[in-house]
Amino acid sequence: MGQRRPPAAGAPRPRRHGVAARRRRRDAARHRSRHGTRGPRGRRAGGSTLLLYTDGLVERRGELLDEGIERLRAAVAAQPGLGPDALCDHVLAALGPFEDDDVAVLALRLD
């Protein structure tokens, strides 16, 4: 049997952002293309920001979830030097207004 991962129970996956996070995504994509798996899991690199959020941030009626996640990715990439508080404010402003869903965002700086 292969490795099992618990279900996410509908919560979106956290997003990492920063130079170290981009390098990690690039390396994981290379590993995936060569080996068909995500690659080894390791410690989180310093200098990254981990963004945790509820589905209300990215879900919109009549729209694919991937479109909302791409909108989030673009908003985060547009302001690479922001600290955690400013990043949360920027993401909320860029993706709002929000309809009938609750929204929570938490940014953690990994130094």
Protein backbone atom coordinates (compact mmCIF):
# COMPACT_ATOMS: atom_id res chain seq x y z
CA MET A 1 0.00 0.00 0.00
CA GLY A 2 1.13 3.53 -0.75
CA GLN A 3 1.21 6.49 1.56
CA ARG A 4 -2.21 7.73 2.68
CA ARG A 5 -3.14 11.29 3.42
CA PRO A 6 -6.17 12.28 5.48
CA PRO A 7 -8.97 14.09 3.64
CA ALA A 8 -8.95 17.86 3.86
CA ALA A 9 -12.65 17.91 4.86
CA GLY A 10 -13.40 20.56 2.27
CA ALA A 11 -10.88 23.11 3.55
CA PRO A 12 -8.63 24.57 0.87
CA ARG A 13 -4.93 23.74 0.94
CA PRO A 14 -2.65 26.39 2.44
CA ARG A 15 -0.61 28.50 -0.01
CA ARG A 16 3.06 29.22 0.49
CA HIS A 17 4.50 32.36 -0.99
CA GLY A 18 7.99 33.85 -1.33
CA VAL A 19 11.19 32.90 -3.11
CA ALA A 20 11.65 29.68 -1.14
CA ALA A 21 8.04 28.65 -1.81
CA ARG A 22 8.39 29.25 -5.56
CA ARG A 23 11.59 27.17 -5.59
CA ARG A 24 9.84 24.37 -3.69
CA ARG A 25 6.86 24.36 -6.13
CA ARG A 26 9.25 24.32 -9.10
CA ASP A 27 11.23 21.42 -7.62
CA ALA A 28 8.03 19.50 -6.80
CA ALA A 29 6.77 20.00 -10.37
CA ARG A 30 10.06 18.67 -11.77
CA HIS A 31 9.93 15.66 -9.47
CA ARG A 32 6.29 15.02 -10.40
CA SER A 33 7.07 15.12 -14.12
CA ARG A 34 9.93 12.65 -13.71
CA HIS A 35 8.50 10.30 -11.11
CA GLY A 36 4.74 10.82 -11.04
CA THR A 37 4.73 11.78 -7.34
CA ARG A 38 4.91 15.04 -5.45
CA GLY A 39 8.41 14.41 -4.17
CA PRO A 40 9.91 14.25 -0.72
CA ARG A 41 8.30 16.24 2.05
CA GLY A 42 10.64 18.29 4.15
CA ARG A 43 10.90 21.25 6.46
CA ARG A 44 9.43 24.54 5.35
CA ALA A 45 12.08 26.92 4.11
CA GLY A 46 12.62 30.18 5.97
CA GLY A 47 11.60 33.38 4.21
CA SER A 48 8.24 32.00 3.08
CA THR A 49 4.75 32.95 4.15
CA LEU A 50 2.09 30.30 4.73
CA LEU A 51 -1.40 31.54 3.87
CA LEU A 52 -4.33 29.68 5.45
CA TYR A 53 -7.85 30.59 4.36
CA THR A 54 -11.42 29.39 4.32
CA ASP A 55 -13.20 28.39 1.13
CA GLY A 56 -15.26 31.58 1.23
CA LEU A 57 -12.18 33.49 0.08
CA VAL A 58 -11.94 31.66 -3.25
CA GLU A 59 -15.41 30.22 -4.00
CA ARG A 60 -17.89 32.08 -6.20
CA ARG A 61 -21.28 30.92 -7.43
CA GLY A 62 -21.15 29.69 -11.04
CA GLU A 63 -17.34 29.64 -11.12
CA LEU A 64 -14.82 26.80 -10.93
CA LEU A 65 -12.87 26.60 -7.69
CA ASP A 66 -9.62 26.63 -9.71
CA GLU A 67 -10.52 30.12 -10.97
CA GLY A 68 -10.78 31.43 -7.42
CA ILE A 69 -7.52 29.78 -6.41
CA GLU A 70 -5.81 31.30 -9.45
CA ARG A 71 -7.21 34.72 -8.48
CA LEU A 72 -5.70 34.21 -5.02
CA ARG A 73 -2.35 33.13 -6.49
CA ALA A 74 -2.25 36.22 -8.70
CA ALA A 75 -3.13 38.55 -5.81
CA VAL A 76 -0.38 37.10 -3.63
CA ALA A 77 2.18 37.20 -6.47
CA ALA A 78 1.34 40.85 -7.21
CA GLN A 79 2.66 41.96 -3.79
CA PRO A 80 5.69 39.76 -2.99
CA GLY A 81 7.25 41.88 -0.22
CA LEU A 82 4.28 42.28 2.11
CA GLY A 83 4.38 41.19 5.75
CA PRO A 84 1.66 38.92 7.14
CA ASP A 85 -0.79 41.66 8.22
CA ALA A 86 -0.45 43.64 5.00
CA LEU A 87 -0.72 40.45 2.92
CA CYS A 88 -4.03 39.52 4.59
CA ASP A 89 -5.37 43.05 4.01
CA HIS A 90 -4.24 42.97 0.36
CA VAL A 91 -5.78 39.54 -0.32
CA LEU A 92 -9.11 40.54 1.24
CA ALA A 93 -9.22 43.78 -0.78
CA ALA A 94 -8.17 42.08 -4.03
CA LEU A 95 -10.63 39.16 -3.82
CA GLY A 96 -13.62 40.90 -2.23
CA PRO A 97 -16.41 41.73 -2.00
CA PHE A 98 -17.61 38.48 -0.50
CA GLU A 99 -21.14 37.17 -0.86
CA ASP A 100 -22.94 34.83 1.51
CA ASP A 101 -19.93 32.92 2.83
CA ASP A 102 -17.68 33.45 5.81
CA VAL A 103 -14.07 34.40 5.09
CA ALA A 104 -11.00 33.96 7.29
CA VAL A 105 -7.36 34.50 6.31
CA LEU A 106 -4.23 33.87 8.36
CA ALA A 107 -0.67 34.51 7.19
CA LEU A 108 2.29 32.96 9.01
CA ARG A 109 5.84 34.14 8.30
CA LEU A 110 8.30 31.21 8.31
CA ASP A 111 11.70 32.59 9.31
